[in-house]
Amino acid sequence: MEAFLLSTGIVALAEIGDKTQLLAFILAAKFKKPWPIIAAILVATVANHAFAGAIGSWITSLVGPETLRWILGISFIAMAGWTLVPDKFDEEDAKLARFGVFGTTLVAFFLAEMGDKTQFATIALAAKYHNFVAVVSGTTLGMMLANVPAVLLGHKIAERMPTRIVHRIAAAIFLVMGILTLLGVGAGVGL
């Protein structure tokens, strides 16, 4: 349960103000059809995060627990810094309209999520917790918690959301996780 809840919270916070959330705002404004957009975000996220979770699980088979602890600790600290860097949205991510609402969103979200901080968080969390289903389910729920309101409420939310504060909270959580991992806290749970 810890893996699921932490994965959900971390990704939901990290996703606020992320380029994929900005993509959700733009697609919602462009197509004005929220349900196909939401369905495509779900499918793209499950596919992307399942891939990331599989990589995280695979990594644990390659390195020993002590090496993994250092890799994860440093990775979480790096993600803390990365979370504080504002994302820039590439308009090309939204120019796939020839695939229809669902197809455009599916392709755009999957590609935008490749190499994104939430994908790396999924890899690290899957490696830490050795619980593929809980981590992928949690990170997917976190993505949906951040993106569904973006699709449904659009710019009304964007104007009121204190993204700097949310990013700082997410960065603090990543930093604490990194430090605790380096100190070996929770080694009996996930490592």
Protein backbone atom coordinates (compact mmCIF):
# COMPACT_ATOMS: atom_id res chain seq x y z
CA MET A 1 0.00 0.00 0.00
CA GLU A 2 2.92 2.35 0.73
CA ALA A 3 4.24 1.93 -2.82
CA PHE A 4 0.83 2.73 -4.31
CA LEU A 5 0.12 5.78 -2.12
CA LEU A 6 3.59 7.28 -2.42
CA SER A 7 3.63 6.70 -6.19
CA THR A 8 0.24 8.38 -6.53
CA GLY A 9 1.18 11.40 -4.42
CA ILE A 10 4.62 11.97 -5.90
CA VAL A 11 3.44 11.81 -9.51
CA ALA A 12 0.30 13.89 -8.89
CA LEU A 13 2.44 16.66 -7.40
CA ALA A 14 5.23 16.34 -9.97
CA GLU A 15 2.72 16.49 -12.83
CA ILE A 16 1.30 19.88 -11.84
CA GLY A 17 2.70 22.41 -14.27
CA ASP A 18 4.44 19.61 -16.22
CA LYS A 19 4.50 19.71 -20.02
CA THR A 20 1.96 16.88 -20.23
CA GLN A 21 -0.45 18.81 -18.04
CA LEU A 22 0.06 21.83 -20.30
CA LEU A 23 -0.63 19.49 -23.23
CA ALA A 24 -3.89 18.43 -21.54
CA PHE A 25 -4.94 22.08 -21.24
CA ILE A 26 -4.18 22.73 -24.92
CA LEU A 27 -5.89 19.58 -26.22
CA ALA A 28 -8.97 20.32 -24.12
CA ALA A 29 -9.14 23.86 -25.48
CA LYS A 30 -8.52 22.73 -29.04
CA PHE A 31 -10.92 19.78 -29.26
CA LYS A 32 -13.49 20.56 -26.54
CA LYS A 33 -14.17 16.81 -26.16
CA PRO A 34 -12.96 15.86 -22.69
CA TRP A 35 -13.87 12.16 -22.54
CA PRO A 36 -11.81 10.92 -25.51
CA ILE A 37 -8.92 13.06 -24.24
CA ILE A 38 -9.18 11.56 -20.74
CA ALA A 39 -9.43 8.01 -22.15
CA ALA A 40 -6.36 8.56 -24.32
CA ILE A 41 -4.39 10.04 -21.42
CA LEU A 42 -5.21 6.92 -19.39
CA VAL A 43 -4.14 4.50 -22.15
CA ALA A 44 -0.95 6.46 -22.93
CA THR A 45 -0.05 6.69 -19.25
CA VAL A 46 -0.62 2.99 -18.56
CA ALA A 47 1.54 2.05 -21.55
CA ASN A 48 4.30 4.51 -20.72
CA HIS A 49 4.38 3.80 -17.00
CA ALA A 50 4.17 0.02 -17.51
CA PHE A 51 7.26 0.34 -19.70
CA ALA A 52 8.97 2.49 -17.06
CA GLY A 53 7.94 0.11 -14.26
CA ALA A 54 9.34 -2.83 -16.20
CA ILE A 55 12.66 -0.99 -16.58
CA GLY A 56 12.70 -0.25 -12.84
CA SER A 57 12.00 -3.89 -12.02
CA TRP A 58 14.69 -5.02 -14.48
CA ILE A 59 17.29 -2.68 -12.97
CA THR A 60 16.89 -4.41 -9.60
CA SER A 61 18.00 -7.68 -11.21
CA LEU A 62 21.21 -6.07 -12.51
CA VAL A 63 22.66 -4.42 -9.43
CA GLY A 64 23.05 -5.36 -5.81
CA PRO A 65 21.05 -3.76 -2.99
CA GLU A 66 23.86 -1.44 -1.84
CA THR A 67 24.53 -0.11 -5.37
CA LEU A 68 20.80 0.22 -5.99
CA ARG A 69 20.40 2.22 -2.77
CA TRP A 70 22.98 4.76 -3.99
CA ILE A 71 21.54 4.92 -7.51
CA LEU A 72 18.01 5.47 -6.16
CA GLY A 73 19.06 7.97 -3.51
CA ILE A 74 20.95 10.09 -6.02
CA SER A 75 18.12 9.70 -8.56
CA PHE A 76 15.50 10.95 -6.09
CA ILE A 77 17.70 13.93 -5.18
CA ALA A 78 18.21 14.70 -8.90
CA MET A 79 14.44 14.51 -9.43
CA ALA A 80 14.02 17.04 -6.61
CA GLY A 81 16.14 19.51 -8.55
CA TRP A 82 14.46 18.64 -11.86
CA THR A 83 11.03 19.25 -10.35
CA LEU A 84 12.01 22.85 -9.62
CA VAL A 85 12.85 23.51 -13.29
CA PRO A 86 9.74 24.74 -15.12
CA ASP A 87 8.71 22.72 -18.17
CA LYS A 88 8.45 24.32 -21.55
CA PHE A 89 5.70 23.08 -23.81
CA ASP A 90 6.50 22.33 -27.44
CA GLU A 91 3.61 23.28 -29.71
CA GLU A 92 4.57 20.37 -31.98
CA ASP A 93 3.20 18.02 -29.30
CA ALA A 94 -0.32 19.24 -30.06
CA LYS A 95 -0.09 19.27 -33.88
CA LEU A 96 -1.17 15.69 -34.55
CA ALA A 97 -4.83 16.49 -35.23
CA ARG A 98 -5.04 14.21 -38.26
CA PHE A 99 -5.36 11.25 -35.86
CA GLY A 100 -8.60 12.52 -34.31
CA VAL A 101 -9.11 13.48 -30.67
CA PHE A 102 -8.29 10.10 -29.10
CA GLY A 103 -5.39 9.28 -31.45
CA THR A 104 -3.85 12.73 -31.22
CA THR A 105 -3.98 12.70 -27.43
CA LEU A 106 -2.68 9.12 -27.23
CA VAL A 107 0.34 9.75 -29.45
CA ALA A 108 1.09 13.20 -28.05
CA PHE A 109 0.90 12.06 -24.41
CA PHE A 110 2.92 8.92 -24.93
CA LEU A 111 5.68 10.83 -26.72
CA ALA A 112 5.63 13.79 -24.32
CA GLU A 113 5.95 11.42 -21.37
CA MET A 114 9.07 9.72 -22.79
CA GLY A 115 12.03 10.90 -20.73
CA ASP A 116 9.78 13.03 -18.53
CA LYS A 117 10.34 13.32 -14.78
CA THR A 118 7.23 11.25 -14.01
CA GLN A 119 8.57 8.43 -16.20
CA PHE A 120 11.88 8.53 -14.34
CA ALA A 121 10.01 8.65 -11.03
CA THR A 122 8.13 5.51 -12.08
CA ILE A 123 11.40 3.74 -12.90
CA ALA A 124 12.91 4.70 -9.55
CA LEU A 125 9.81 3.83 -7.54
CA ALA A 126 9.48 0.43 -9.26
CA ALA A 127 13.13 -0.29 -8.49
CA LYS A 128 12.74 0.82 -4.87
CA TYR A 129 9.52 -0.99 -4.01
CA HIS A 130 9.77 -4.13 -6.15
CA ASN A 131 6.02 -3.87 -6.66
CA PHE A 132 5.31 -3.29 -10.34
CA VAL A 133 1.50 -3.30 -10.07
CA ALA A 134 1.32 -0.96 -7.07
CA VAL A 135 3.81 1.52 -8.54
CA VAL A 136 2.35 1.59 -12.07
CA SER A 137 -1.19 1.82 -10.68
CA GLY A 138 -0.14 4.61 -8.32
CA THR A 139 1.78 6.64 -10.89
CA THR A 140 -1.07 6.24 -13.38
CA LEU A 141 -3.59 7.42 -10.78
CA GLY A 142 -1.31 10.36 -9.96
CA MET A 143 -1.20 11.34 -13.64
CA MET A 144 -4.98 11.12 -13.87
CA LEU A 145 -5.48 13.15 -10.67
CA ALA A 146 -3.41 15.95 -12.16
CA ASN A 147 -4.63 15.77 -15.76
CA VAL A 148 -8.36 15.02 -15.56
CA PRO A 149 -9.11 18.34 -13.81
CA ALA A 150 -6.88 20.04 -16.39
CA VAL A 151 -9.01 18.59 -19.17
CA LEU A 152 -12.37 19.22 -17.48
CA LEU A 153 -11.74 22.64 -15.98
CA GLY A 154 -8.98 23.94 -18.21
CA HIS A 155 -7.76 27.46 -17.69
CA LYS A 156 -9.95 28.06 -14.64
CA ILE A 157 -7.60 25.81 -12.67
CA ALA A 158 -4.39 26.93 -14.35
CA GLU A 159 -4.87 30.51 -13.22
CA ARG A 160 -5.47 29.59 -9.58
CA MET A 161 -2.99 26.77 -9.03
CA PRO A 162 0.17 27.84 -7.19
CA THR A 163 2.52 25.71 -9.31
CA ARG A 164 5.67 27.05 -7.66
CA ILE A 165 4.46 25.91 -4.26
CA VAL A 166 3.33 22.53 -5.59
CA HIS A 167 6.68 22.02 -7.34
CA ARG A 168 8.51 22.89 -4.12
CA ILE A 169 6.44 20.37 -2.17
CA ALA A 170 7.12 17.66 -4.77
CA ALA A 171 10.83 18.55 -4.78
CA ALA A 172 10.93 18.36 -0.98
CA ILE A 173 9.33 14.90 -1.06
CA PHE A 174 11.84 13.69 -3.68
CA LEU A 175 14.70 15.18 -1.63
CA VAL A 176 13.54 13.52 1.60
CA MET A 177 13.10 10.20 -0.23
CA GLY A 178 16.61 10.53 -1.66
CA ILE A 179 18.21 11.30 1.68
CA LEU A 180 16.30 8.54 3.47
CA THR A 181 17.22 6.07 0.73
CA LEU A 182 20.90 7.03 0.97
CA LEU A 183 20.73 6.58 4.75
CA GLY A 184 19.24 3.11 4.25
CA VAL A 185 15.84 3.93 5.79
CA GLY A 186 13.24 1.51 4.54
CA ALA A 187 15.85 -0.96 3.31
CA GLY A 188 13.84 -3.80 4.78
CA VAL A 189 10.72 -2.65 2.89
CA GLY A 190 11.94 -2.06 -0.61
CA LEU A 191 15.65 -2.72 -0.83
